Amino acid sequence: MVEQSLRLDFIFGSLADPTRRDILRRIAKEEMSITEIAKPYKMTFAAISKHLKILEKAKLIAKKRQGKQQVVHLTPATINDAAEYLKEYEKIWNQRLDLLEKYLSTFPT
């Protein structure tokens, strides 16, 4: 349980940054080299590398070597873990909203 909690902390902590979310959005479409990832951002290559390390530590991305370049790709299993966690809260809130709707329906309109 503690290990899962730490994993979720890493996942959601890494998703807190808009640059990292944008990187994920872009590499979800296709694998990209680190150079390709860095191109649209007005920050140093070292800053992009730091963002990638945080995403990699959270296991949201993985790198593989292709020739002289490292290619970055999304790891869907980790995204699924986060989605499953959020689904539990969705169930809770849906139940609460259903109860509220039922309660409100007892009042005349």
N, C-alpha and C. Protein backbone atom coordinates (compact mmCIF):
# COMPACT_ATOMS: atom_id res chain seq x y z
N MET A 1 0.82 -1.19 0.00
CA MET A 1 0.00 0.00 0.00
C MET A 1 0.87 1.26 0.00
N VAL A 2 1.90 1.27 0.83
CA VAL A 2 2.80 2.43 0.89
C VAL A 2 3.53 2.60 -0.43
N GLU A 3 3.96 1.48 -1.02
CA GLU A 3 4.67 1.53 -2.30
C GLU A 3 3.77 2.10 -3.39
N GLN A 4 2.50 1.68 -3.41
CA GLN A 4 1.57 2.20 -4.41
C GLN A 4 1.34 3.69 -4.18
N SER A 5 1.25 4.10 -2.92
CA SER A 5 1.06 5.50 -2.60
C SER A 5 2.24 6.34 -3.09
N LEU A 6 3.45 5.83 -2.91
CA LEU A 6 4.64 6.56 -3.38
C LEU A 6 4.64 6.65 -4.90
N ARG A 7 4.25 5.57 -5.58
CA ARG A 7 4.18 5.59 -7.04
C ARG A 7 3.21 6.67 -7.51
N LEU A 8 2.04 6.71 -6.86
CA LEU A 8 1.05 7.72 -7.24
C LEU A 8 1.56 9.13 -6.94
N ASP A 9 2.30 9.30 -5.85
CA ASP A 9 2.89 10.60 -5.55
C ASP A 9 3.83 11.04 -6.67
N PHE A 10 4.66 10.12 -7.15
CA PHE A 10 5.57 10.43 -8.26
C PHE A 10 4.79 10.77 -9.53
N ILE A 11 3.76 9.97 -9.80
CA ILE A 11 2.97 10.19 -11.02
C ILE A 11 2.31 11.55 -10.99
N PHE A 12 1.52 11.81 -9.94
CA PHE A 12 0.77 13.06 -9.90
C PHE A 12 1.68 14.26 -9.67
N GLY A 13 2.77 14.07 -8.96
CA GLY A 13 3.74 15.15 -8.80
C GLY A 13 4.36 15.55 -10.13
N SER A 14 4.67 14.56 -10.95
CA SER A 14 5.26 14.87 -12.25
C SER A 14 4.23 15.49 -13.19
N LEU A 15 2.97 15.15 -13.02
CA LEU A 15 1.91 15.72 -13.86
C LEU A 15 1.51 17.12 -13.44
N ALA A 16 2.02 17.59 -12.30
CA ALA A 16 1.68 18.92 -11.81
C ALA A 16 2.27 20.04 -12.66
N ASP A 17 3.29 19.71 -13.44
CA ASP A 17 3.98 20.73 -14.24
C ASP A 17 3.42 20.77 -15.66
N PRO A 18 3.05 21.96 -16.17
CA PRO A 18 2.47 22.03 -17.52
C PRO A 18 3.43 21.62 -18.63
N THR A 19 4.71 21.87 -18.46
CA THR A 19 5.68 21.45 -19.49
C THR A 19 5.71 19.93 -19.58
N ARG A 20 5.74 19.26 -18.44
CA ARG A 20 5.76 17.79 -18.46
C ARG A 20 4.48 17.22 -19.05
N ARG A 21 3.34 17.85 -18.72
CA ARG A 21 2.09 17.38 -19.32
C ARG A 21 2.12 17.56 -20.83
N ASP A 22 2.69 18.66 -21.29
CA ASP A 22 2.78 18.90 -22.73
C ASP A 22 3.71 17.89 -23.40
N ILE A 23 4.82 17.59 -22.75
CA ILE A 23 5.74 16.57 -23.28
C ILE A 23 5.01 15.24 -23.42
N LEU A 24 4.26 14.86 -22.40
CA LEU A 24 3.51 13.60 -22.46
C LEU A 24 2.50 13.62 -23.60
N ARG A 25 1.81 14.73 -23.75
CA ARG A 25 0.82 14.85 -24.83
C ARG A 25 1.48 14.64 -26.19
N ARG A 26 2.65 15.22 -26.36
CA ARG A 26 3.35 15.12 -27.64
C ARG A 26 3.88 13.72 -27.90
N ILE A 27 4.46 13.10 -26.89
CA ILE A 27 5.03 11.76 -27.15
C ILE A 27 3.97 10.67 -27.12
N ALA A 28 2.77 11.01 -26.68
CA ALA A 28 1.66 10.04 -26.75
C ALA A 28 1.31 9.79 -28.21
N LYS A 29 1.55 10.79 -29.05
CA LYS A 29 1.24 10.68 -30.48
C LYS A 29 2.30 9.88 -31.23
N GLU A 30 3.57 10.05 -30.82
CA GLU A 30 4.67 9.35 -31.49
C GLU A 30 5.92 9.41 -30.63
N GLU A 31 6.75 8.41 -30.79
CA GLU A 31 8.05 8.42 -30.11
C GLU A 31 8.87 9.57 -30.66
N MET A 32 9.66 10.18 -29.79
CA MET A 32 10.47 11.32 -30.22
C MET A 32 11.84 11.25 -29.58
N SER A 33 12.82 11.80 -30.28
CA SER A 33 14.15 11.94 -29.69
C SER A 33 14.11 13.09 -28.70
N ILE A 34 15.09 13.12 -27.83
CA ILE A 34 15.16 14.20 -26.84
C ILE A 34 15.31 15.55 -27.54
N THR A 35 16.07 15.58 -28.62
CA THR A 35 16.25 16.82 -29.40
C THR A 35 14.91 17.29 -29.97
N GLU A 36 14.11 16.35 -30.50
CA GLU A 36 12.80 16.70 -31.05
C GLU A 36 11.87 17.22 -29.95
N ILE A 37 11.95 16.60 -28.79
CA ILE A 37 11.12 17.03 -27.66
C ILE A 37 11.49 18.45 -27.26
N ALA A 38 12.77 18.76 -27.23
CA ALA A 38 13.26 20.06 -26.74
C ALA A 38 12.96 21.22 -27.69
N LYS A 39 12.81 20.96 -28.98
CA LYS A 39 12.69 22.03 -29.99
C LYS A 39 11.69 23.13 -29.67
N PRO A 40 10.44 22.82 -29.34
CA PRO A 40 9.47 23.92 -29.20
C PRO A 40 9.55 24.72 -27.89
N TYR A 41 10.39 24.30 -26.98
CA TYR A 41 10.43 24.96 -25.67
C TYR A 41 11.54 26.00 -25.61
N LYS A 42 11.25 27.10 -24.98
CA LYS A 42 12.24 28.16 -24.80
C LYS A 42 12.93 27.95 -23.46
N MET A 43 13.63 26.83 -23.38
CA MET A 43 14.41 26.51 -22.18
C MET A 43 15.62 25.71 -22.62
N THR A 44 16.56 25.59 -21.72
CA THR A 44 17.79 24.89 -22.06
C THR A 44 17.54 23.39 -22.23
N PHE A 45 18.45 22.77 -22.93
CA PHE A 45 18.40 21.32 -23.12
C PHE A 45 18.48 20.63 -21.76
N ALA A 46 19.27 21.20 -20.85
CA ALA A 46 19.41 20.63 -19.50
C ALA A 46 18.07 20.68 -18.75
N ALA A 47 17.31 21.76 -18.95
CA ALA A 47 16.00 21.87 -18.29
C ALA A 47 15.04 20.81 -18.82
N ILE A 48 15.06 20.62 -20.14
CA ILE A 48 14.21 19.57 -20.73
C ILE A 48 14.64 18.21 -20.22
N SER A 49 15.93 18.00 -20.15
CA SER A 49 16.45 16.73 -19.64
C SER A 49 15.99 16.47 -18.21
N LYS A 50 15.95 17.52 -17.40
CA LYS A 50 15.47 17.39 -16.02
C LYS A 50 13.99 17.00 -15.99
N HIS A 51 13.19 17.63 -16.84
CA HIS A 51 11.77 17.26 -16.93
C HIS A 51 11.62 15.78 -17.33
N LEU A 52 12.43 15.36 -18.28
CA LEU A 52 12.36 13.97 -18.73
C LEU A 52 12.77 13.00 -17.62
N LYS A 53 13.75 13.37 -16.84
CA LYS A 53 14.17 12.52 -15.72
C LYS A 53 13.05 12.37 -14.70
N ILE A 54 12.32 13.44 -14.45
CA ILE A 54 11.20 13.37 -13.51
C ILE A 54 10.10 12.46 -14.06
N LEU A 55 9.80 12.59 -15.34
CA LEU A 55 8.80 11.72 -15.96
C LEU A 55 9.25 10.26 -15.97
N GLU A 56 10.54 10.07 -16.18
CA GLU A 56 11.09 8.70 -16.19
C GLU A 56 11.06 8.10 -14.79
N LYS A 57 11.37 8.90 -13.78
CA LYS A 57 11.33 8.41 -12.40
C LYS A 57 9.91 8.00 -12.01
N ALA A 58 8.93 8.72 -12.53
CA ALA A 58 7.52 8.39 -12.28
C ALA A 58 7.06 7.23 -13.15
N LYS A 59 7.93 6.78 -14.05
CA LYS A 59 7.64 5.68 -14.98
C LYS A 59 6.52 6.02 -15.96
N LEU A 60 6.39 7.31 -16.27
CA LEU A 60 5.44 7.74 -17.27
C LEU A 60 6.02 7.65 -18.67
N ILE A 61 7.35 7.68 -18.74
CA ILE A 61 8.04 7.53 -20.02
C ILE A 61 9.18 6.54 -19.85
N ALA A 62 9.67 6.09 -20.98
CA ALA A 62 10.88 5.25 -20.99
C ALA A 62 11.72 5.71 -22.18
N LYS A 63 13.01 5.51 -22.05
CA LYS A 63 13.94 5.87 -23.12
C LYS A 63 14.56 4.60 -23.69
N LYS A 64 14.84 4.64 -24.98
CA LYS A 64 15.59 3.55 -25.60
C LYS A 64 16.55 4.16 -26.61
N ARG A 65 17.65 3.51 -26.79
CA ARG A 65 18.67 4.01 -27.70
C ARG A 65 18.39 3.52 -29.11
N GLN A 66 18.41 4.45 -30.05
CA GLN A 66 18.32 4.14 -31.48
C GLN A 66 19.49 4.83 -32.16
N GLY A 67 20.51 4.06 -32.42
CA GLY A 67 21.72 4.64 -32.98
C GLY A 67 22.36 5.57 -31.98
N LYS A 68 22.58 6.82 -32.38
CA LYS A 68 23.21 7.80 -31.49
C LYS A 68 22.20 8.56 -30.64
N GLN A 69 20.93 8.37 -30.91
CA GLN A 69 19.91 9.13 -30.20
C GLN A 69 19.18 8.28 -29.16
N GLN A 70 18.66 8.96 -28.16
CA GLN A 70 17.75 8.32 -27.22
C GLN A 70 16.34 8.73 -27.63
N VAL A 71 15.48 7.73 -27.77
CA VAL A 71 14.10 7.97 -28.16
C VAL A 71 13.23 7.75 -26.93
N VAL A 72 12.28 8.65 -26.77
CA VAL A 72 11.40 8.63 -25.60
C VAL A 72 10.02 8.16 -26.03
N HIS A 73 9.44 7.27 -25.24
CA HIS A 73 8.08 6.82 -25.52
C HIS A 73 7.27 6.75 -24.22
N LEU A 74 5.97 6.82 -24.38
CA LEU A 74 5.04 6.78 -23.27
C LEU A 74 4.95 5.36 -22.72
N THR A 75 4.73 5.23 -21.42
CA THR A 75 4.49 3.91 -20.82
C THR A 75 3.03 3.86 -20.35
N PRO A 76 2.16 3.31 -21.17
CA PRO A 76 0.73 3.33 -20.89
C PRO A 76 0.33 2.66 -19.57
N ALA A 77 1.06 1.68 -19.11
CA ALA A 77 0.69 0.98 -17.87
C ALA A 77 0.64 1.95 -16.69
N THR A 78 1.58 2.87 -16.63
CA THR A 78 1.60 3.84 -15.53
C THR A 78 0.43 4.81 -15.64
N ILE A 79 0.12 5.23 -16.86
CA ILE A 79 -1.03 6.11 -17.08
C ILE A 79 -2.30 5.37 -16.63
N ASN A 80 -2.38 4.09 -16.93
CA ASN A 80 -3.54 3.29 -16.53
C ASN A 80 -3.65 3.21 -15.01
N ASP A 81 -2.53 3.10 -14.31
CA ASP A 81 -2.54 3.07 -12.84
C ASP A 81 -3.16 4.35 -12.29
N ALA A 82 -2.77 5.48 -12.84
CA ALA A 82 -3.30 6.77 -12.39
C ALA A 82 -4.79 6.87 -12.72
N ALA A 83 -5.17 6.40 -13.90
CA ALA A 83 -6.58 6.44 -14.30
C ALA A 83 -7.43 5.57 -13.38
N GLU A 84 -6.93 4.40 -13.02
CA GLU A 84 -7.67 3.51 -12.11
C GLU A 84 -7.86 4.16 -10.75
N TYR A 85 -6.84 4.82 -10.27
CA TYR A 85 -6.92 5.52 -8.99
C TYR A 85 -8.02 6.59 -9.06
N LEU A 86 -8.03 7.36 -10.14
CA LEU A 86 -9.03 8.42 -10.28
C LEU A 86 -10.44 7.87 -10.46
N LYS A 87 -10.56 6.70 -11.07
CA LYS A 87 -11.88 6.08 -11.25
C LYS A 87 -12.54 5.79 -9.91
N GLU A 88 -11.75 5.44 -8.91
CA GLU A 88 -12.31 5.19 -7.58
C GLU A 88 -12.96 6.45 -7.03
N TYR A 89 -12.32 7.59 -7.23
CA TYR A 89 -12.90 8.86 -6.78
C TYR A 89 -14.12 9.24 -7.62
N GLU A 90 -14.08 8.90 -8.88
CA GLU A 90 -15.23 9.16 -9.74
C GLU A 90 -16.45 8.39 -9.23
N LYS A 91 -16.26 7.14 -8.84
CA LYS A 91 -17.36 6.33 -8.29
C LYS A 91 -17.92 6.98 -7.02
N ILE A 92 -17.03 7.41 -6.13
CA ILE A 92 -17.46 8.03 -4.88
C ILE A 92 -18.28 9.28 -5.16
N TRP A 93 -17.79 10.15 -6.04
CA TRP A 93 -18.50 11.39 -6.33
C TRP A 93 -19.81 11.13 -7.06
N ASN A 94 -19.85 10.16 -7.94
CA ASN A 94 -21.10 9.82 -8.61
C ASN A 94 -22.14 9.33 -7.60
N GLN A 95 -21.71 8.53 -6.63
CA GLN A 95 -22.63 8.07 -5.59
C GLN A 95 -23.15 9.24 -4.77
N ARG A 96 -22.27 10.15 -4.42
CA ARG A 96 -22.68 11.32 -3.64
C ARG A 96 -23.64 12.20 -4.42
N LEU A 97 -23.35 12.40 -5.70
CA LEU A 97 -24.24 13.23 -6.52
C LEU A 97 -25.59 12.55 -6.72
N ASP A 98 -25.59 11.23 -6.86
CA ASP A 98 -26.85 10.50 -6.96
C ASP A 98 -27.68 10.67 -5.70
N LEU A 99 -27.03 10.59 -4.54
CA LEU A 99 -27.74 10.80 -3.27
C LEU A 99 -28.28 12.22 -3.16
N LEU A 100 -27.50 13.19 -3.58
CA LEU A 100 -27.94 14.57 -3.56
C LEU A 100 -29.13 14.77 -4.48
N GLU A 101 -29.06 14.20 -5.66
CA GLU A 101 -30.18 14.30 -6.61
C GLU A 101 -31.44 13.66 -6.02
N LYS A 102 -31.28 12.52 -5.39
CA LYS A 102 -32.42 11.84 -4.77
C LYS A 102 -33.01 12.71 -3.66
N TYR A 103 -32.15 13.29 -2.84
CA TYR A 103 -32.60 14.16 -1.75
C TYR A 103 -33.33 15.38 -2.32
N LEU A 104 -32.78 16.01 -3.32
CA LEU A 104 -33.39 17.21 -3.89
C LEU A 104 -34.71 16.91 -4.58
N SER A 105 -34.87 15.70 -5.06
CA SER A 105 -36.13 15.35 -5.72
C SER A 105 -37.29 15.23 -4.74
N THR A 106 -37.00 15.19 -3.45
CA THR A 106 -38.06 15.12 -2.43
C THR A 106 -38.72 16.48 -2.19
N PHE A 107 -38.11 17.54 -2.69
CA PHE A 107 -38.67 18.89 -2.53
C PHE A 107 -39.58 19.20 -3.71
N PRO A 108 -40.69 19.88 -3.44
CA PRO A 108 -41.57 20.26 -4.56
C PRO A 108 -40.90 21.30 -5.45
N THR A 109 -41.20 21.25 -6.71
CA THR A 109 -40.61 22.21 -7.65
C THR A 109 -41.54 23.33 -8.00
